[in-house]
N, C-alpha and C. Protein backbone atom coordinates (compact mmCIF):
# COMPACT_ATOMS: atom_id res chain seq x y z
N UNK A 1 0.78 -17.75 -1.02
CA UNK A 1 1.23 -17.55 0.34
C UNK A 1 2.48 -18.38 0.62
N UNK A 2 2.56 -19.52 0.01
CA UNK A 2 3.71 -20.40 0.23
C UNK A 2 4.99 -19.72 -0.22
N UNK A 3 4.93 -19.01 -1.33
CA UNK A 3 6.11 -18.30 -1.85
C UNK A 3 6.59 -17.28 -0.83
N UNK A 4 5.67 -16.51 -0.24
CA UNK A 4 6.05 -15.50 0.74
C UNK A 4 6.63 -16.16 1.99
N UNK A 5 6.01 -17.24 2.43
CA UNK A 5 6.50 -17.93 3.63
C UNK A 5 7.90 -18.49 3.40
N UNK A 6 8.13 -19.08 2.23
CA UNK A 6 9.45 -19.63 1.93
C UNK A 6 10.51 -18.54 1.84
N UNK A 7 10.15 -17.42 1.21
CA UNK A 7 11.10 -16.31 1.09
C UNK A 7 11.45 -15.75 2.47
N UNK A 8 10.44 -15.61 3.33
CA UNK A 8 10.69 -15.11 4.68
C UNK A 8 11.57 -16.09 5.46
N UNK A 9 11.31 -17.37 5.29
CA UNK A 9 12.09 -18.39 6.00
C UNK A 9 13.56 -18.35 5.56
N UNK A 10 13.80 -18.10 4.28
CA UNK A 10 15.18 -17.99 3.79
C UNK A 10 15.92 -16.83 4.46
N UNK A 11 15.17 -15.82 4.86
CA UNK A 11 15.77 -14.67 5.54
C UNK A 11 15.78 -14.87 7.05
N UNK A 12 15.35 -16.03 7.50
CA UNK A 12 15.37 -16.33 8.92
C UNK A 12 14.19 -15.78 9.70
N UNK A 13 13.09 -15.50 9.01
CA UNK A 13 11.93 -14.94 9.71
C UNK A 13 10.63 -15.53 9.21
N UNK A 14 9.59 -14.79 9.43
CA UNK A 14 8.27 -15.19 8.94
C UNK A 14 7.54 -13.93 8.48
N UNK A 15 6.48 -14.11 7.75
CA UNK A 15 5.70 -12.97 7.28
C UNK A 15 5.04 -12.33 8.51
N UNK A 16 5.25 -11.03 8.68
CA UNK A 16 4.66 -10.36 9.84
C UNK A 16 3.70 -9.25 9.44
N UNK A 17 3.60 -8.97 8.14
CA UNK A 17 2.70 -7.93 7.64
C UNK A 17 2.53 -8.17 6.15
N UNK A 18 1.36 -7.88 5.62
CA UNK A 18 1.13 -8.00 4.18
C UNK A 18 0.85 -6.62 3.62
N UNK A 19 1.53 -6.26 2.53
CA UNK A 19 1.34 -4.97 1.88
C UNK A 19 0.75 -5.20 0.50
N UNK A 20 -0.42 -4.63 0.26
CA UNK A 20 -1.06 -4.70 -1.04
C UNK A 20 -0.95 -3.34 -1.71
N UNK A 21 -0.34 -3.30 -2.89
CA UNK A 21 -0.25 -2.06 -3.65
C UNK A 21 -0.97 -2.29 -4.97
N UNK A 22 -2.06 -1.60 -5.15
CA UNK A 22 -2.86 -1.79 -6.35
C UNK A 22 -3.94 -2.82 -6.14
N UNK A 23 -4.59 -3.20 -7.19
CA UNK A 23 -5.75 -4.08 -7.06
C UNK A 23 -5.58 -5.42 -7.74
N UNK A 24 -4.40 -6.01 -7.71
CA UNK A 24 -4.20 -7.33 -8.33
C UNK A 24 -5.16 -8.33 -7.69
N UNK A 25 -5.81 -9.13 -8.51
CA UNK A 25 -6.83 -10.05 -7.99
C UNK A 25 -6.25 -11.06 -6.99
N UNK A 26 -4.98 -11.44 -7.14
CA UNK A 26 -4.39 -12.37 -6.17
C UNK A 26 -4.35 -11.74 -4.77
N UNK A 27 -4.09 -10.46 -4.71
CA UNK A 27 -4.03 -9.76 -3.42
C UNK A 27 -5.40 -9.30 -2.96
N UNK A 28 -6.15 -8.74 -3.87
CA UNK A 28 -7.42 -8.07 -3.58
C UNK A 28 -8.59 -9.04 -3.54
N UNK A 29 -8.48 -10.13 -4.27
CA UNK A 29 -9.59 -11.08 -4.36
C UNK A 29 -10.57 -10.69 -5.45
N UNK A 30 -11.54 -11.54 -5.65
CA UNK A 30 -12.56 -11.26 -6.67
C UNK A 30 -13.95 -11.29 -6.07
N UNK A 31 -14.04 -10.95 -4.80
CA UNK A 31 -15.33 -10.93 -4.13
C UNK A 31 -15.77 -9.49 -3.91
N UNK A 32 -17.05 -9.30 -3.71
CA UNK A 32 -17.57 -7.96 -3.44
C UNK A 32 -17.02 -7.41 -2.13
N UNK A 33 -16.68 -8.28 -1.19
CA UNK A 33 -16.14 -7.84 0.10
C UNK A 33 -14.83 -7.08 -0.08
N UNK A 34 -14.09 -7.35 -1.14
CA UNK A 34 -12.82 -6.66 -1.38
C UNK A 34 -13.03 -5.16 -1.51
N UNK A 35 -14.18 -4.77 -2.04
CA UNK A 35 -14.47 -3.34 -2.22
C UNK A 35 -14.64 -2.63 -0.88
N UNK A 36 -14.96 -3.38 0.17
CA UNK A 36 -15.17 -2.80 1.48
C UNK A 36 -13.94 -2.90 2.39
N UNK A 37 -12.85 -3.50 1.87
CA UNK A 37 -11.64 -3.60 2.68
C UNK A 37 -11.04 -2.22 2.79
N UNK A 38 -10.78 -1.72 4.01
CA UNK A 38 -10.31 -0.35 4.16
C UNK A 38 -8.92 -0.11 3.57
N UNK A 39 -8.66 1.13 3.25
CA UNK A 39 -7.37 1.56 2.76
C UNK A 39 -6.48 1.90 3.96
N UNK A 40 -5.17 1.78 3.77
CA UNK A 40 -4.23 2.13 4.82
C UNK A 40 -3.87 0.93 5.67
N UNK A 41 -3.42 1.20 6.90
CA UNK A 41 -3.04 0.14 7.82
C UNK A 41 -4.30 -0.45 8.43
N UNK A 42 -4.46 -1.76 8.25
CA UNK A 42 -5.65 -2.45 8.77
C UNK A 42 -5.19 -3.53 9.74
N UNK A 43 -5.48 -3.32 11.00
CA UNK A 43 -5.12 -4.30 12.02
C UNK A 43 -6.21 -5.38 12.12
N UNK A 44 -7.45 -4.93 12.09
CA UNK A 44 -8.61 -5.84 12.10
C UNK A 44 -9.60 -5.29 11.09
N UNK A 45 -9.82 -5.99 9.98
CA UNK A 45 -10.74 -5.47 8.96
C UNK A 45 -12.18 -5.43 9.47
N UNK A 46 -12.92 -4.43 9.01
CA UNK A 46 -14.32 -4.28 9.39
C UNK A 46 -15.19 -5.33 8.71
N UNK A 47 -14.67 -5.87 7.63
CA UNK A 47 -15.40 -6.89 6.88
C UNK A 47 -14.44 -8.06 6.64
N UNK A 48 -14.97 -9.26 6.70
CA UNK A 48 -14.15 -10.45 6.44
C UNK A 48 -14.89 -11.33 5.45
N UNK A 49 -14.18 -11.77 4.45
CA UNK A 49 -14.75 -12.66 3.45
C UNK A 49 -14.29 -14.08 3.73
N UNK A 50 -15.22 -15.01 3.58
CA UNK A 50 -14.89 -16.43 3.72
C UNK A 50 -15.01 -17.14 2.37
N UNK A 51 -15.19 -16.35 1.33
CA UNK A 51 -15.29 -16.88 -0.03
C UNK A 51 -13.93 -17.43 -0.44
N UNK A 52 -13.89 -18.58 -1.12
CA UNK A 52 -12.61 -19.13 -1.58
C UNK A 52 -11.86 -18.20 -2.53
N UNK A 53 -12.55 -17.24 -3.14
CA UNK A 53 -11.92 -16.31 -4.07
C UNK A 53 -11.42 -15.05 -3.37
N UNK A 54 -11.42 -15.08 -2.03
CA UNK A 54 -10.90 -13.91 -1.32
C UNK A 54 -9.40 -13.81 -1.57
N UNK A 55 -8.88 -12.62 -1.53
CA UNK A 55 -7.46 -12.42 -1.85
C UNK A 55 -6.56 -12.59 -0.64
N UNK A 56 -5.28 -12.38 -0.88
CA UNK A 56 -4.27 -12.51 0.16
C UNK A 56 -4.48 -11.53 1.31
N UNK A 57 -5.08 -10.36 1.03
CA UNK A 57 -5.37 -9.42 2.11
C UNK A 57 -6.22 -10.09 3.18
N UNK A 58 -7.27 -10.78 2.75
CA UNK A 58 -8.16 -11.46 3.69
C UNK A 58 -7.46 -12.65 4.34
N UNK A 59 -6.66 -13.36 3.58
CA UNK A 59 -5.96 -14.52 4.12
C UNK A 59 -5.05 -14.12 5.28
N UNK A 60 -4.24 -13.09 5.05
CA UNK A 60 -3.32 -12.65 6.09
C UNK A 60 -4.07 -11.99 7.25
N UNK A 61 -5.12 -11.24 6.96
CA UNK A 61 -5.92 -10.63 8.03
C UNK A 61 -6.56 -11.71 8.89
N UNK A 62 -7.02 -12.80 8.27
CA UNK A 62 -7.62 -13.90 9.01
C UNK A 62 -6.60 -14.58 9.92
N UNK A 63 -5.32 -14.49 9.56
CA UNK A 63 -4.26 -15.06 10.38
C UNK A 63 -3.85 -14.10 11.51
N UNK A 64 -4.47 -12.93 11.55
CA UNK A 64 -4.18 -11.95 12.59
C UNK A 64 -3.02 -11.02 12.27
N UNK A 65 -2.56 -11.04 11.01
CA UNK A 65 -1.45 -10.17 10.62
C UNK A 65 -1.98 -8.82 10.14
N UNK A 66 -1.24 -7.75 10.40
CA UNK A 66 -1.64 -6.45 9.87
C UNK A 66 -1.51 -6.43 8.35
N UNK A 67 -2.40 -5.68 7.72
CA UNK A 67 -2.39 -5.52 6.27
C UNK A 67 -2.28 -4.03 5.96
N UNK A 68 -1.36 -3.68 5.08
CA UNK A 68 -1.28 -2.31 4.58
C UNK A 68 -1.86 -2.35 3.18
N UNK A 69 -3.01 -1.73 3.02
CA UNK A 69 -3.74 -1.74 1.75
C UNK A 69 -3.60 -0.38 1.09
N UNK A 70 -2.83 -0.33 0.00
CA UNK A 70 -2.58 0.94 -0.69
C UNK A 70 -3.28 0.93 -2.05
N UNK A 71 -4.51 1.34 -2.02
CA UNK A 71 -5.31 1.51 -3.24
C UNK A 71 -5.46 3.02 -3.42
N UNK A 72 -5.36 3.51 -4.63
CA UNK A 72 -5.50 4.93 -4.93
C UNK A 72 -4.43 5.75 -4.21
N UNK A 73 -3.17 5.42 -4.49
CA UNK A 73 -2.05 6.12 -3.86
C UNK A 73 -2.11 7.62 -4.15
N UNK A 74 -2.50 7.97 -5.35
CA UNK A 74 -2.60 9.39 -5.71
C UNK A 74 -3.61 10.10 -4.79
N UNK A 75 -4.75 9.47 -4.57
CA UNK A 75 -5.77 10.06 -3.70
C UNK A 75 -5.28 10.18 -2.27
N UNK A 76 -4.59 9.16 -1.77
CA UNK A 76 -4.04 9.20 -0.42
C UNK A 76 -3.06 10.37 -0.30
N UNK A 77 -2.19 10.49 -1.27
CA UNK A 77 -1.20 11.57 -1.24
C UNK A 77 -1.88 12.94 -1.26
N UNK A 78 -2.86 13.09 -2.13
CA UNK A 78 -3.54 14.38 -2.25
C UNK A 78 -4.28 14.74 -0.96
N UNK A 79 -4.93 13.76 -0.34
CA UNK A 79 -5.66 14.01 0.91
C UNK A 79 -4.71 14.38 2.05
N UNK A 80 -3.46 13.98 1.95
CA UNK A 80 -2.49 14.24 3.01
C UNK A 80 -1.49 15.33 2.66
N UNK A 81 -1.75 16.04 1.58
CA UNK A 81 -0.90 17.16 1.21
C UNK A 81 0.47 16.77 0.68
N UNK A 82 0.60 15.55 0.16
CA UNK A 82 1.87 15.10 -0.38
C UNK A 82 1.83 15.25 -1.90
N UNK A 83 2.77 15.98 -2.49
CA UNK A 83 2.72 16.18 -3.94
C UNK A 83 2.95 14.89 -4.71
N UNK A 84 2.22 14.73 -5.80
CA UNK A 84 2.41 13.56 -6.66
C UNK A 84 2.83 13.95 -8.07
N UNK A 85 2.70 15.20 -8.42
CA UNK A 85 3.13 15.69 -9.72
C UNK A 85 4.65 15.85 -9.68
N UNK A 86 5.39 15.22 -10.61
CA UNK A 86 6.86 15.32 -10.56
C UNK A 86 7.37 16.75 -10.51
N UNK A 87 6.75 17.66 -11.25
CA UNK A 87 7.21 19.05 -11.21
C UNK A 87 7.02 19.65 -9.82
N UNK A 88 5.88 19.34 -9.20
CA UNK A 88 5.62 19.84 -7.86
C UNK A 88 6.60 19.22 -6.86
N UNK A 89 6.92 17.94 -7.06
CA UNK A 89 7.90 17.28 -6.19
C UNK A 89 9.25 17.96 -6.28
N UNK A 90 9.67 18.26 -7.49
CA UNK A 90 10.98 18.91 -7.68
C UNK A 90 10.98 20.26 -6.99
N UNK A 91 9.90 21.03 -7.16
CA UNK A 91 9.82 22.34 -6.50
C UNK A 91 9.87 22.16 -4.98
N UNK A 92 9.14 21.15 -4.48
CA UNK A 92 9.12 20.92 -3.03
C UNK A 92 10.49 20.50 -2.52
N UNK A 93 11.14 19.58 -3.23
CA UNK A 93 12.43 19.08 -2.76
C UNK A 93 13.50 20.18 -2.80
N UNK A 94 13.34 21.15 -3.70
CA UNK A 94 14.30 22.24 -3.77
C UNK A 94 14.24 23.10 -2.52
N UNK A 95 13.08 23.17 -1.86
CA UNK A 95 12.92 23.98 -0.65
C UNK A 95 12.68 23.12 0.59
N UNK A 96 12.78 21.80 0.45
CA UNK A 96 12.45 20.89 1.56
C UNK A 96 13.32 21.12 2.78
N UNK A 97 14.59 21.47 2.57
CA UNK A 97 15.46 21.67 3.73
C UNK A 97 15.07 22.93 4.50
N UNK A 98 14.40 23.87 3.81
CA UNK A 98 13.99 25.10 4.48
C UNK A 98 12.61 24.98 5.10
N UNK A 99 11.72 24.23 4.45
CA UNK A 99 10.35 24.16 4.92
C UNK A 99 9.78 22.76 4.62
N UNK A 100 10.03 21.79 5.51
CA UNK A 100 9.53 20.43 5.26
C UNK A 100 8.00 20.39 5.23
N UNK A 101 7.47 19.50 4.42
CA UNK A 101 6.03 19.34 4.27
C UNK A 101 5.50 18.49 5.42
N UNK A 102 5.06 19.12 6.48
CA UNK A 102 4.49 18.44 7.65
C UNK A 102 5.39 17.32 8.15
N UNK A 103 6.69 17.45 7.98
CA UNK A 103 7.62 16.45 8.47
C UNK A 103 7.68 15.17 7.67
N UNK A 104 7.02 15.11 6.52
CA UNK A 104 7.04 13.87 5.74
C UNK A 104 7.88 14.03 4.49
N UNK A 105 8.38 12.92 3.99
CA UNK A 105 9.21 12.95 2.80
C UNK A 105 8.41 12.44 1.61
N UNK A 106 8.23 13.24 0.58
CA UNK A 106 7.46 12.82 -0.59
C UNK A 106 8.30 12.11 -1.65
N UNK A 107 9.55 11.79 -1.35
CA UNK A 107 10.45 11.27 -2.37
C UNK A 107 9.91 10.00 -3.03
N UNK A 108 9.39 9.07 -2.24
CA UNK A 108 8.89 7.82 -2.81
C UNK A 108 7.71 8.07 -3.73
N UNK A 109 6.77 8.91 -3.28
CA UNK A 109 5.62 9.21 -4.12
C UNK A 109 6.04 9.98 -5.37
N UNK A 110 7.04 10.83 -5.24
CA UNK A 110 7.53 11.55 -6.42
C UNK A 110 8.09 10.56 -7.43
N UNK A 111 8.89 9.62 -6.95
CA UNK A 111 9.45 8.61 -7.83
C UNK A 111 8.34 7.81 -8.49
N UNK A 112 7.36 7.38 -7.69
CA UNK A 112 6.23 6.59 -8.23
C UNK A 112 5.50 7.38 -9.30
N UNK A 113 5.17 8.64 -8.99
CA UNK A 113 4.42 9.46 -9.93
C UNK A 113 5.23 9.68 -11.21
N UNK A 114 6.54 9.90 -11.05
CA UNK A 114 7.40 10.12 -12.21
C UNK A 114 7.43 8.88 -13.10
N UNK A 115 7.58 7.70 -12.49
CA UNK A 115 7.64 6.45 -13.25
C UNK A 115 6.33 6.19 -13.97
N UNK A 116 5.20 6.56 -13.38
CA UNK A 116 3.90 6.35 -14.00
C UNK A 116 3.73 7.22 -15.24
N UNK A 117 4.36 8.39 -15.25
CA UNK A 117 4.21 9.30 -16.38
C UNK A 117 5.26 9.08 -17.45
N UNK A 118 6.32 8.36 -17.13
CA UNK A 118 7.39 8.12 -18.11
C UNK A 118 6.91 7.15 -19.18
N UNK A 119 7.41 7.28 -20.43
CA UNK A 119 6.97 6.36 -21.50
C UNK A 119 7.45 4.95 -21.28
């Protein structure tokens, strides 16, 4: 947490939100409560861990900061109709100017999915 606070201070601010992407133990923690931490934007978690092995998600949530928890990005994208297959992304982007996908841009997820499949 000190590293994040120092980096924010160098930019003239403070940490105002924590974003967890993936399940790194430093962020996610090593407690069973981590499995119950909701996905997406979490303003107030339904579960709070007081275990010393809780991750940064719990630390920042305990400080009252919002947490964006992105676990299973592929599942999130699929549930929201956002393509994650690079070929599908290319097909979508070719027609995006004519028919946007529910007003959202899949470019970031396309890039992520492409990088995951690249050697």
